[in-house]
N, C-alpha and C. Protein backbone atom coordinates (compact mmCIF):
# COMPACT_ATOMS: atom_id res chain seq x y z
N MET A 1 -28.34 49.51 -18.52
CA MET A 1 -28.67 48.11 -18.62
C MET A 1 -27.50 47.31 -19.20
N LYS A 2 -26.84 47.89 -20.23
CA LYS A 2 -25.70 47.22 -20.85
C LYS A 2 -24.59 47.01 -19.83
N LYS A 3 -24.40 48.00 -18.94
CA LYS A 3 -23.36 47.91 -17.91
C LYS A 3 -23.62 46.70 -17.01
N TYR A 4 -24.86 46.49 -16.61
CA TYR A 4 -25.21 45.35 -15.75
C TYR A 4 -25.02 44.02 -16.49
N ALA A 5 -25.37 44.02 -17.76
CA ALA A 5 -25.21 42.81 -18.56
C ALA A 5 -23.72 42.48 -18.71
N ASP A 6 -22.90 43.50 -18.92
CA ASP A 6 -21.45 43.28 -19.04
C ASP A 6 -20.88 42.76 -17.72
N ASN A 7 -21.30 43.36 -16.61
CA ASN A 7 -20.84 42.90 -15.30
C ASN A 7 -21.26 41.45 -15.06
N LEU A 8 -22.50 41.14 -15.40
CA LEU A 8 -23.00 39.78 -15.23
C LEU A 8 -22.20 38.81 -16.09
N LEU A 9 -21.88 39.21 -17.32
CA LEU A 9 -21.09 38.36 -18.22
C LEU A 9 -19.70 38.12 -17.65
N GLN A 10 -19.08 39.17 -17.07
CA GLN A 10 -17.75 39.02 -16.46
C GLN A 10 -17.80 38.05 -15.28
N VAL A 11 -18.83 38.20 -14.46
CA VAL A 11 -18.97 37.31 -13.30
C VAL A 11 -19.16 35.88 -13.77
N MET A 12 -19.99 35.67 -14.78
CA MET A 12 -20.24 34.33 -15.30
C MET A 12 -18.97 33.73 -15.90
N GLU A 13 -18.16 34.52 -16.57
CA GLU A 13 -16.90 34.04 -17.12
C GLU A 13 -15.94 33.64 -15.99
N GLY A 14 -15.92 34.44 -14.92
CA GLY A 14 -15.09 34.11 -13.76
C GLY A 14 -15.53 32.80 -13.11
N ILE A 15 -16.84 32.63 -12.99
CA ILE A 15 -17.37 31.39 -12.41
C ILE A 15 -17.03 30.22 -13.31
N SER A 16 -17.15 30.39 -14.61
CA SER A 16 -16.84 29.33 -15.56
C SER A 16 -15.37 28.93 -15.45
N ALA A 17 -14.49 29.92 -15.35
CA ALA A 17 -13.06 29.64 -15.23
C ALA A 17 -12.77 28.88 -13.93
N ARG A 18 -13.42 29.29 -12.86
CA ARG A 18 -13.21 28.61 -11.58
C ARG A 18 -13.75 27.18 -11.61
N LEU A 19 -14.89 26.98 -12.27
CA LEU A 19 -15.43 25.63 -12.40
C LEU A 19 -14.50 24.74 -13.22
N THR A 20 -13.93 25.29 -14.27
CA THR A 20 -12.98 24.54 -15.08
C THR A 20 -11.77 24.16 -14.25
N GLN A 21 -11.28 25.12 -13.46
CA GLN A 21 -10.14 24.85 -12.58
C GLN A 21 -10.50 23.78 -11.55
N LEU A 22 -11.69 23.87 -10.99
CA LEU A 22 -12.14 22.89 -10.01
C LEU A 22 -12.25 21.50 -10.63
N GLU A 23 -12.78 21.42 -11.85
CA GLU A 23 -12.86 20.14 -12.55
C GLU A 23 -11.47 19.54 -12.76
N SER A 24 -10.54 20.37 -13.16
CA SER A 24 -9.18 19.91 -13.41
C SER A 24 -8.55 19.39 -12.12
N ARG A 25 -8.71 20.14 -11.05
CA ARG A 25 -8.13 19.71 -9.77
C ARG A 25 -8.82 18.46 -9.25
N THR A 26 -10.12 18.36 -9.45
CA THR A 26 -10.85 17.17 -9.03
C THR A 26 -10.38 15.94 -9.81
N ARG A 27 -10.17 16.09 -11.10
CA ARG A 27 -9.66 15.01 -11.94
C ARG A 27 -8.27 14.58 -11.47
N HIS A 28 -7.44 15.58 -11.17
CA HIS A 28 -6.10 15.28 -10.67
C HIS A 28 -6.18 14.53 -9.34
N LEU A 29 -7.06 14.96 -8.47
CA LEU A 29 -7.24 14.30 -7.18
C LEU A 29 -7.74 12.87 -7.36
N GLU A 30 -8.67 12.65 -8.26
CA GLU A 30 -9.16 11.30 -8.55
C GLU A 30 -8.03 10.40 -9.04
N ASN A 31 -7.19 10.93 -9.93
CA ASN A 31 -6.05 10.15 -10.42
C ASN A 31 -5.08 9.82 -9.29
N SER A 32 -4.86 10.78 -8.40
CA SER A 32 -3.96 10.54 -7.27
C SER A 32 -4.53 9.46 -6.35
N VAL A 33 -5.83 9.49 -6.11
CA VAL A 33 -6.46 8.47 -5.27
C VAL A 33 -6.35 7.10 -5.94
N ASP A 34 -6.57 7.04 -7.25
CA ASP A 34 -6.42 5.77 -7.96
C ASP A 34 -4.99 5.25 -7.86
N ASP A 35 -4.02 6.14 -8.03
CA ASP A 35 -2.61 5.74 -7.90
C ASP A 35 -2.32 5.23 -6.49
N LEU A 36 -2.89 5.90 -5.49
CA LEU A 36 -2.70 5.49 -4.11
C LEU A 36 -3.30 4.11 -3.86
N LYS A 37 -4.48 3.85 -4.43
CA LYS A 37 -5.10 2.54 -4.29
C LYS A 37 -4.21 1.45 -4.89
N VAL A 38 -3.66 1.71 -6.06
CA VAL A 38 -2.77 0.74 -6.70
C VAL A 38 -1.53 0.53 -5.85
N SER A 39 -0.98 1.62 -5.34
CA SER A 39 0.23 1.53 -4.52
C SER A 39 -0.03 0.74 -3.24
N VAL A 40 -1.16 1.00 -2.60
CA VAL A 40 -1.50 0.26 -1.38
C VAL A 40 -1.70 -1.21 -1.71
N GLY A 41 -2.35 -1.49 -2.83
CA GLY A 41 -2.53 -2.88 -3.25
C GLY A 41 -1.21 -3.57 -3.48
N ASN A 42 -0.29 -2.88 -4.15
CA ASN A 42 1.03 -3.46 -4.40
C ASN A 42 1.78 -3.68 -3.10
N ASN A 43 1.72 -2.70 -2.21
CA ASN A 43 2.42 -2.83 -0.93
C ASN A 43 1.83 -3.98 -0.11
N HIS A 44 0.51 -4.13 -0.20
CA HIS A 44 -0.12 -5.23 0.53
C HIS A 44 0.36 -6.56 -0.03
N GLY A 45 0.46 -6.64 -1.35
CA GLY A 45 0.96 -7.86 -1.98
C GLY A 45 2.41 -8.13 -1.60
N ASN A 46 3.22 -7.08 -1.57
CA ASN A 46 4.62 -7.23 -1.17
C ASN A 46 4.71 -7.68 0.27
N ALA A 47 3.88 -7.11 1.12
CA ALA A 47 3.90 -7.49 2.54
C ALA A 47 3.49 -8.96 2.70
N ASP A 48 2.51 -9.39 1.94
CA ASP A 48 2.09 -10.80 1.99
C ASP A 48 3.23 -11.72 1.58
N GLY A 49 3.92 -11.35 0.51
CA GLY A 49 5.04 -12.16 0.03
C GLY A 49 6.15 -12.23 1.06
N LYS A 50 6.46 -11.11 1.67
CA LYS A 50 7.51 -11.09 2.69
C LYS A 50 7.09 -11.88 3.93
N MET A 51 5.81 -11.83 4.25
CA MET A 51 5.31 -12.59 5.39
C MET A 51 5.44 -14.09 5.12
N ARG A 52 5.14 -14.50 3.91
CA ARG A 52 5.29 -15.91 3.55
C ARG A 52 6.76 -16.33 3.63
N GLN A 53 7.66 -15.46 3.17
CA GLN A 53 9.09 -15.75 3.27
C GLN A 53 9.49 -15.92 4.73
N MET A 54 9.01 -15.03 5.58
CA MET A 54 9.33 -15.12 7.01
C MET A 54 8.79 -16.43 7.60
N GLU A 55 7.58 -16.81 7.22
CA GLU A 55 7.01 -18.06 7.72
C GLU A 55 7.86 -19.25 7.28
N ASN A 56 8.31 -19.24 6.02
CA ASN A 56 9.16 -20.33 5.53
C ASN A 56 10.49 -20.39 6.28
N ILE A 57 11.08 -19.24 6.51
CA ILE A 57 12.34 -19.19 7.26
C ILE A 57 12.12 -19.70 8.68
N LEU A 58 11.03 -19.29 9.30
CA LEU A 58 10.72 -19.74 10.65
C LEU A 58 10.54 -21.26 10.69
N ARG A 59 9.86 -21.81 9.69
CA ARG A 59 9.70 -23.27 9.63
C ARG A 59 11.05 -23.96 9.50
N ASP A 60 11.93 -23.40 8.66
CA ASP A 60 13.27 -23.97 8.49
C ASP A 60 14.04 -23.93 9.81
N VAL A 61 13.94 -22.82 10.52
CA VAL A 61 14.62 -22.70 11.81
C VAL A 61 14.06 -23.72 12.81
N GLN A 62 12.73 -23.83 12.86
CA GLN A 62 12.11 -24.79 13.77
C GLN A 62 12.53 -26.22 13.43
N THR A 63 12.61 -26.54 12.16
CA THR A 63 13.06 -27.86 11.74
C THR A 63 14.50 -28.09 12.17
N GLY A 64 15.34 -27.08 12.00
CA GLY A 64 16.74 -27.18 12.42
C GLY A 64 16.87 -27.37 13.91
N VAL A 65 16.07 -26.65 14.68
CA VAL A 65 16.10 -26.79 16.14
C VAL A 65 15.65 -28.20 16.54
N GLN A 66 14.61 -28.70 15.88
CA GLN A 66 14.14 -30.05 16.19
C GLN A 66 15.21 -31.08 15.85
N ASP A 67 15.90 -30.90 14.72
CA ASP A 67 16.99 -31.81 14.35
C ASP A 67 18.08 -31.80 15.41
N LEU A 68 18.44 -30.61 15.90
CA LEU A 68 19.47 -30.52 16.94
C LEU A 68 19.02 -31.20 18.23
N LYS A 69 17.75 -31.03 18.59
CA LYS A 69 17.23 -31.70 19.79
C LYS A 69 17.29 -33.22 19.63
N ASP A 70 16.91 -33.70 18.44
CA ASP A 70 16.95 -35.15 18.18
C ASP A 70 18.38 -35.67 18.28
N LYS A 71 19.33 -34.97 17.69
CA LYS A 71 20.73 -35.38 17.75
C LYS A 71 21.24 -35.37 19.18
N GLN A 72 20.83 -34.35 19.93
CA GLN A 72 21.25 -34.27 21.34
C GLN A 72 20.68 -35.46 22.12
N SER A 73 19.44 -35.81 21.86
CA SER A 73 18.83 -36.95 22.54
C SER A 73 19.57 -38.24 22.20
N ILE A 74 19.95 -38.39 20.95
CA ILE A 74 20.69 -39.59 20.54
C ILE A 74 22.05 -39.66 21.25
N VAL A 75 22.75 -38.53 21.29
CA VAL A 75 24.06 -38.49 21.94
C VAL A 75 23.91 -38.80 23.43
N GLU A 76 22.90 -38.22 24.07
CA GLU A 76 22.68 -38.46 25.50
C GLU A 76 22.34 -39.92 25.76
N ALA A 77 21.57 -40.53 24.84
CA ALA A 77 21.20 -41.93 25.02
C ALA A 77 22.42 -42.84 24.84
N GLN A 78 23.36 -42.44 23.98
CA GLN A 78 24.54 -43.25 23.74
C GLN A 78 25.59 -43.11 24.84
N ASN A 79 25.62 -41.97 25.48
CA ASN A 79 26.61 -41.70 26.54
C ASN A 79 25.92 -41.36 27.85
N PRO A 80 25.45 -42.34 28.56
CA PRO A 80 24.79 -42.01 29.83
C PRO A 80 25.83 -41.47 30.83
N ILE A 81 25.42 -40.53 31.60
CA ILE A 81 26.32 -39.89 32.56
C ILE A 81 26.40 -40.67 33.84
């Protein structure tokens, strides 16, 4: 009977060790997921900022093109062919 009790105790200790290891790995995985969420949030914010910069640059280019068209129209009106 003692032999069975000792075997059962060994098995229970092994299970306990594996559960502890599983808890540790699960905690590590949760931390990694949290870090990933923060990273994705930061990247999303960075992408938004860069998109706004691109929109501003595009507006500046469009304004410049319109200015050139206006100047061309003035020159054409002053010098009829």
